[in-house]
Amino acid sequence: CSACDAALSSWYFEKDGLLFCKDDYWTKYGEACQGCGQVITGPVMLAGDHKFHPECFACNLCGTFIGDGESYALVERSKLYCGGCYKRQMQPLNKTSNYPFVRKPHSIRLVEIPPNNNAKNFENQRVIKLTLDDTPSPGYGCSLLRIS
């Protein structure tokens, strides 16, 4: 083995002309499971850029294993939910709900766009008008930003 100098049997891994035993190959070139952090050496489940062992591909909320072809959602690039839990998460919540999610929509508030003082020809400049409606949308608590 190029890494540990162990004698190799008939089973070995080759990478860039170097020979490795199984453990050193997976340690050096293997990818870690997003769920358990261990190296993935067999079948892989994909969610976005994240890879999981099939047995680690489970809902963060209810713990249900998510099978191949079943619906799921990857939230905030790290939280994996089955289709049912994600659907319940996206429903508006009432005040008596004990459901653990708090719905907070993404928000952007643009205060001002600085003028382009380096422009020599102001006639060809594009004018952008922004209007912020501070009245919250029903059920979502967000405001409308109009760009014209």
C-alpha atoms as a PDB file:
ATOM      1  CA  CYS A   1       0.000   0.000   0.000  1.00  0.00           C
ATOM      2  CA  SER A   2       1.353   3.426  -0.927  1.00  0.00           C
ATOM      3  CA  ALA A   3       0.037   4.942   2.319  1.00  0.00           C
ATOM      4  CA  CYS A   4       0.716   2.341   5.060  1.00  0.00           C
ATOM      5  CA  ASP A   5       3.241   0.026   3.347  1.00  0.00           C
ATOM      6  CA  ALA A   6       1.073  -3.027   4.086  1.00  0.00           C
ATOM      7  CA  ALA A   7       1.459  -5.994   1.753  1.00  0.00           C
ATOM      8  CA  LEU A   8      -1.412  -6.067  -0.727  1.00  0.00           C
ATOM      9  CA  SER A   9      -3.271  -9.257  -1.547  1.00  0.00           C
ATOM     10  CA  SER A  10      -5.123  -9.696  -4.803  1.00  0.00           C
ATOM     11  CA  TRP A  11      -7.571  -6.972  -3.660  1.00  0.00           C
ATOM     12  CA  TYR A  12      -6.349  -3.397  -3.938  1.00  0.00           C
ATOM     13  CA  PHE A  13      -7.325   0.019  -5.224  1.00  0.00           C
ATOM     14  CA  GLU A  14      -5.356   2.068  -7.760  1.00  0.00           C
ATOM     15  CA  LYS A  15      -5.393   5.857  -8.094  1.00  0.00           C
ATOM     16  CA  ASP A  16      -2.963   7.970 -10.157  1.00  0.00           C
ATOM     17  CA  GLY A  17      -0.596   5.019 -10.517  1.00  0.00           C
ATOM     18  CA  LEU A  18      -0.450   4.352  -6.761  1.00  0.00           C
ATOM     19  CA  LEU A  19      -1.783   1.216  -5.056  1.00  0.00           C
ATOM     20  CA  PHE A  20      -3.806   1.378  -1.818  1.00  0.00           C
ATOM     21  CA  CYS A  21      -5.376  -1.019   0.645  1.00  0.00           C
ATOM     22  CA  LYS A  22      -9.144  -0.628   1.074  1.00  0.00           C
ATOM     23  CA  ASP A  23      -8.987   1.417   4.309  1.00  0.00           C
ATOM     24  CA  ASP A  24      -6.380   3.900   3.066  1.00  0.00           C
ATOM     25  CA  TYR A  25      -8.099   4.324  -0.308  1.00  0.00           C
ATOM     26  CA  TRP A  26     -11.464   5.202   1.254  1.00  0.00           C
ATOM     27  CA  THR A  27      -9.820   7.431   3.880  1.00  0.00           C
ATOM     28  CA  LYS A  28      -7.970   9.397   1.215  1.00  0.00           C
ATOM     29  CA  TYR A  29     -10.474   9.433  -1.673  1.00  0.00           C
ATOM     30  CA  GLY A  30     -13.829   8.501  -0.186  1.00  0.00           C
ATOM     31  CA  GLU A  31     -16.697  10.929   0.412  1.00  0.00           C
ATOM     32  CA  ALA A  32     -18.335  11.350   3.807  1.00  0.00           C
ATOM     33  CA  CYS A  33     -22.021  10.725   4.413  1.00  0.00           C
ATOM     34  CA  GLN A  34     -23.919  13.919   5.280  1.00  0.00           C
ATOM     35  CA  GLY A  35     -25.937  11.982   7.842  1.00  0.00           C
ATOM     36  CA  CYS A  36     -23.348  10.072   9.877  1.00  0.00           C
ATOM     37  CA  GLY A  37     -20.019  11.468   8.693  1.00  0.00           C
ATOM     38  CA  GLN A  38     -18.623   8.007   7.832  1.00  0.00           C
ATOM     39  CA  VAL A  39     -17.039   7.228   4.453  1.00  0.00           C
ATOM     40  CA  ILE A  40     -19.461   6.006   1.777  1.00  0.00           C
ATOM     41  CA  THR A  41     -18.220   2.817   0.142  1.00  0.00           C
ATOM     42  CA  GLY A  42     -21.416   1.464  -1.395  1.00  0.00           C
ATOM     43  CA  PRO A  43     -24.722   2.742  -2.775  1.00  0.00           C
ATOM     44  CA  VAL A  44     -25.319   6.485  -2.450  1.00  0.00           C
ATOM     45  CA  MET A  45     -28.470   8.583  -2.028  1.00  0.00           C
ATOM     46  CA  LEU A  46     -28.169  12.141  -3.348  1.00  0.00           C
ATOM     47  CA  ALA A  47     -29.911  15.313  -2.141  1.00  0.00           C
ATOM     48  CA  GLY A  48     -28.521  18.343  -3.904  1.00  0.00           C
ATOM     49  CA  ASP A  49     -24.744  18.232  -3.509  1.00  0.00           C
ATOM     50  CA  HIS A  50     -25.000  16.040  -0.396  1.00  0.00           C
ATOM     51  CA  LYS A  51     -24.434  12.290  -0.365  1.00  0.00           C
ATOM     52  CA  PHE A  52     -25.886   9.827   2.138  1.00  0.00           C
ATOM     53  CA  HIS A  53     -25.747   6.105   2.918  1.00  0.00           C
ATOM     54  CA  PRO A  54     -29.204   4.690   2.058  1.00  0.00           C
ATOM     55  CA  GLU A  55     -29.712   3.904   5.779  1.00  0.00           C
ATOM     56  CA  CYS A  56     -28.857   7.533   6.714  1.00  0.00           C
ATOM     57  CA  PHE A  57     -31.242   9.084   4.167  1.00  0.00           C
ATOM     58  CA  ALA A  58     -33.955   9.781   6.746  1.00  0.00           C
ATOM     59  CA  CYS A  59     -36.221  12.671   7.737  1.00  0.00           C
ATOM     60  CA  ASN A  60     -34.701  14.953  10.401  1.00  0.00           C
ATOM     61  CA  LEU A  61     -38.121  15.405  11.998  1.00  0.00           C
ATOM     62  CA  CYS A  62     -39.909  12.052  12.056  1.00  0.00           C
ATOM     63  CA  GLY A  63     -36.940   9.730  11.377  1.00  0.00           C
ATOM     64  CA  THR A  64     -38.660   7.936   8.489  1.00  0.00           C
ATOM     65  CA  PHE A  65     -36.253   6.470   5.953  1.00  0.00           C
ATOM     66  CA  ILE A  66     -36.719   8.071   2.541  1.00  0.00           C
ATOM     67  CA  GLY A  67     -36.576   5.495  -0.238  1.00  0.00           C
ATOM     68  CA  ASP A  68     -35.513   5.881  -3.832  1.00  0.00           C
ATOM     69  CA  GLY A  69     -38.223   7.797  -5.727  1.00  0.00           C
ATOM     70  CA  GLU A  70     -39.979   9.085  -2.581  1.00  0.00           C
ATOM     71  CA  SER A  71     -40.454  12.822  -2.156  1.00  0.00           C
ATOM     72  CA  TYR A  72     -38.131  14.779   0.108  1.00  0.00           C
ATOM     73  CA  ALA A  73     -36.833  18.316   0.636  1.00  0.00           C
ATOM     74  CA  LEU A  74     -33.394  19.577   1.585  1.00  0.00           C
ATOM     75  CA  VAL A  75     -33.878  22.809   3.566  1.00  0.00           C
ATOM     76  CA  GLU A  76     -31.075  25.283   4.243  1.00  0.00           C
ATOM     77  CA  ARG A  77     -28.654  22.879   2.513  1.00  0.00           C
ATOM     78  CA  SER A  78     -28.490  20.608   5.547  1.00  0.00           C
ATOM     79  CA  LYS A  79     -31.927  19.625   6.887  1.00  0.00           C
ATOM     80  CA  LEU A  80     -33.506  16.633   5.154  1.00  0.00           C
ATOM     81  CA  TYR A  81     -37.287  16.173   5.424  1.00  0.00           C
ATOM     82  CA  CYS A  82     -39.646  13.567   4.011  1.00  0.00           C
ATOM     83  CA  GLY A  83     -42.380  14.865   1.717  1.00  0.00           C
ATOM     84  CA  GLY A  84     -45.054  14.693   4.447  1.00  0.00           C
ATOM     85  CA  CYS A  85     -43.089  16.650   7.058  1.00  0.00           C
ATOM     86  CA  TYR A  86     -42.035  19.241   4.496  1.00  0.00           C
ATOM     87  CA  LYS A  87     -45.618  19.699   3.329  1.00  0.00           C
ATOM     88  CA  ARG A  88     -46.802  20.207   6.920  1.00  0.00           C
ATOM     89  CA  GLN A  89     -43.946  22.645   7.484  1.00  0.00           C
ATOM     90  CA  MET A  90     -45.042  24.784   4.572  1.00  0.00           C
ATOM     91  CA  GLN A  91     -48.668  25.049   5.719  1.00  0.00           C
ATOM     92  CA  PRO A  92     -49.516  28.287   7.544  1.00  0.00           C
ATOM     93  CA  LEU A  93     -49.508  27.759  11.294  1.00  0.00           C
ATOM     94  CA  ASN A  94     -52.238  28.796  13.690  1.00  0.00           C
ATOM     95  CA  LYS A  95     -51.662  30.050  17.243  1.00  0.00           C
ATOM     96  CA  THR A  96     -52.690  26.751  18.844  1.00  0.00           C
ATOM     97  CA  SER A  97     -50.292  24.640  16.766  1.00  0.00           C
ATOM     98  CA  ASN A  98     -47.605  22.719  18.620  1.00  0.00           C
ATOM     99  CA  TYR A  99     -45.731  22.027  15.397  1.00  0.00           C
ATOM    100  CA  PRO A 100     -42.004  22.776  15.885  1.00  0.00           C
ATOM    101  CA  PHE A 101     -41.462  24.864  12.743  1.00  0.00           C
ATOM    102  CA  VAL A 102     -41.754  28.625  12.750  1.00  0.00           C
ATOM    103  CA  ARG A 103     -42.448  29.957   9.313  1.00  0.00           C
ATOM    104  CA  LYS A 104     -40.156  32.888   8.586  1.00  0.00           C
ATOM    105  CA  PRO A 105     -39.990  33.895   4.936  1.00  0.00           C
ATOM    106  CA  HIS A 106     -36.778  35.173   3.464  1.00  0.00           C
ATOM    107  CA  SER A 107     -36.756  38.939   3.307  1.00  0.00           C
ATOM    108  CA  ILE A 108     -34.755  41.623   1.599  1.00  0.00           C
ATOM    109  CA  ARG A 109     -35.042  45.301   2.347  1.00  0.00           C
ATOM    110  CA  LEU A 110     -33.340  47.654  -0.083  1.00  0.00           C
ATOM    111  CA  VAL A 111     -32.918  51.131   1.316  1.00  0.00           C
ATOM    112  CA  GLU A 112     -31.208  52.918  -1.565  1.00  0.00           C
ATOM    113  CA  ILE A 113     -29.363  52.356  -4.806  1.00  0.00           C
ATOM    114  CA  PRO A 114     -26.388  54.731  -5.029  1.00  0.00           C
ATOM    115  CA  PRO A 115     -26.236  56.806  -8.228  1.00  0.00           C
ATOM    116  CA  ASN A 116     -23.560  56.093 -10.793  1.00  0.00           C
ATOM    117  CA  ASN A 117     -21.428  59.236 -10.523  1.00  0.00           C
ATOM    118  CA  ASN A 118     -18.950  57.984 -13.108  1.00  0.00           C
ATOM    119  CA  ALA A 119     -21.491  57.981 -15.932  1.00  0.00           C
ATOM    120  CA  LYS A 120     -20.807  60.636 -18.545  1.00  0.00           C
ATOM    121  CA  ASN A 121     -23.983  60.261 -20.527  1.00  0.00           C
ATOM    122  CA  PHE A 122     -26.999  60.397 -18.194  1.00  0.00           C
ATOM    123  CA  GLU A 123     -29.468  60.164 -21.106  1.00  0.00           C
ATOM    124  CA  ASN A 124     -28.693  56.458 -21.580  1.00  0.00           C
ATOM    125  CA  GLN A 125     -29.007  55.629 -17.889  1.00  0.00           C
ATOM    126  CA  ARG A 126     -31.740  53.278 -16.781  1.00  0.00           C
ATOM    127  CA  VAL A 127     -33.957  54.516 -13.951  1.00  0.00           C
ATOM    128  CA  ILE A 128     -35.117  51.974 -11.397  1.00  0.00           C
ATOM    129  CA  LYS A 129     -37.987  52.798  -9.089  1.00  0.00           C
ATOM    130  CA  LEU A 130     -38.492  50.710  -5.950  1.00  0.00           C
ATOM    131  CA  THR A 131     -41.675  50.757  -3.913  1.00  0.00           C
ATOM    132  CA  LEU A 132     -42.034  48.875  -0.628  1.00  0.00           C
ATOM    133  CA  ASP A 133     -45.557  48.039   0.495  1.00  0.00           C
ATOM    134  CA  ASP A 134     -45.285  47.698   4.290  1.00  0.00           C
ATOM    135  CA  THR A 135     -48.684  46.026   4.555  1.00  0.00           C
ATOM    136  CA  PRO A 136     -47.967  42.352   5.372  1.00  0.00           C
ATOM    137  CA  SER A 137     -49.346  39.730   3.012  1.00  0.00           C
ATOM    138  CA  PRO A 138     -52.118  37.683   4.660  1.00  0.00           C
ATOM    139  CA  GLY A 139     -50.779  34.550   6.348  1.00  0.00           C
ATOM    140  CA  TYR A 140     -47.142  35.131   5.491  1.00  0.00           C
ATOM    141  CA  GLY A 141     -46.034  38.326   7.278  1.00  0.00           C
ATOM    142  CA  CYS A 142     -43.970  39.575   4.345  1.00  0.00           C
ATOM    143  CA  SER A 143     -44.114  42.794   2.358  1.00  0.00           C
ATOM    144  CA  LEU A 144     -44.243  43.390  -1.351  1.00  0.00           C
ATOM    145  CA  LEU A 145     -41.311  45.057  -3.133  1.00  0.00           C
ATOM    146  CA  ARG A 146     -42.162  46.486  -6.544  1.00  0.00           C
ATOM    147  CA  ILE A 147     -39.398  47.221  -9.052  1.00  0.00           C
ATOM    148  CA  SER A 148     -40.287  49.332 -12.082  1.00  0.00           C
END
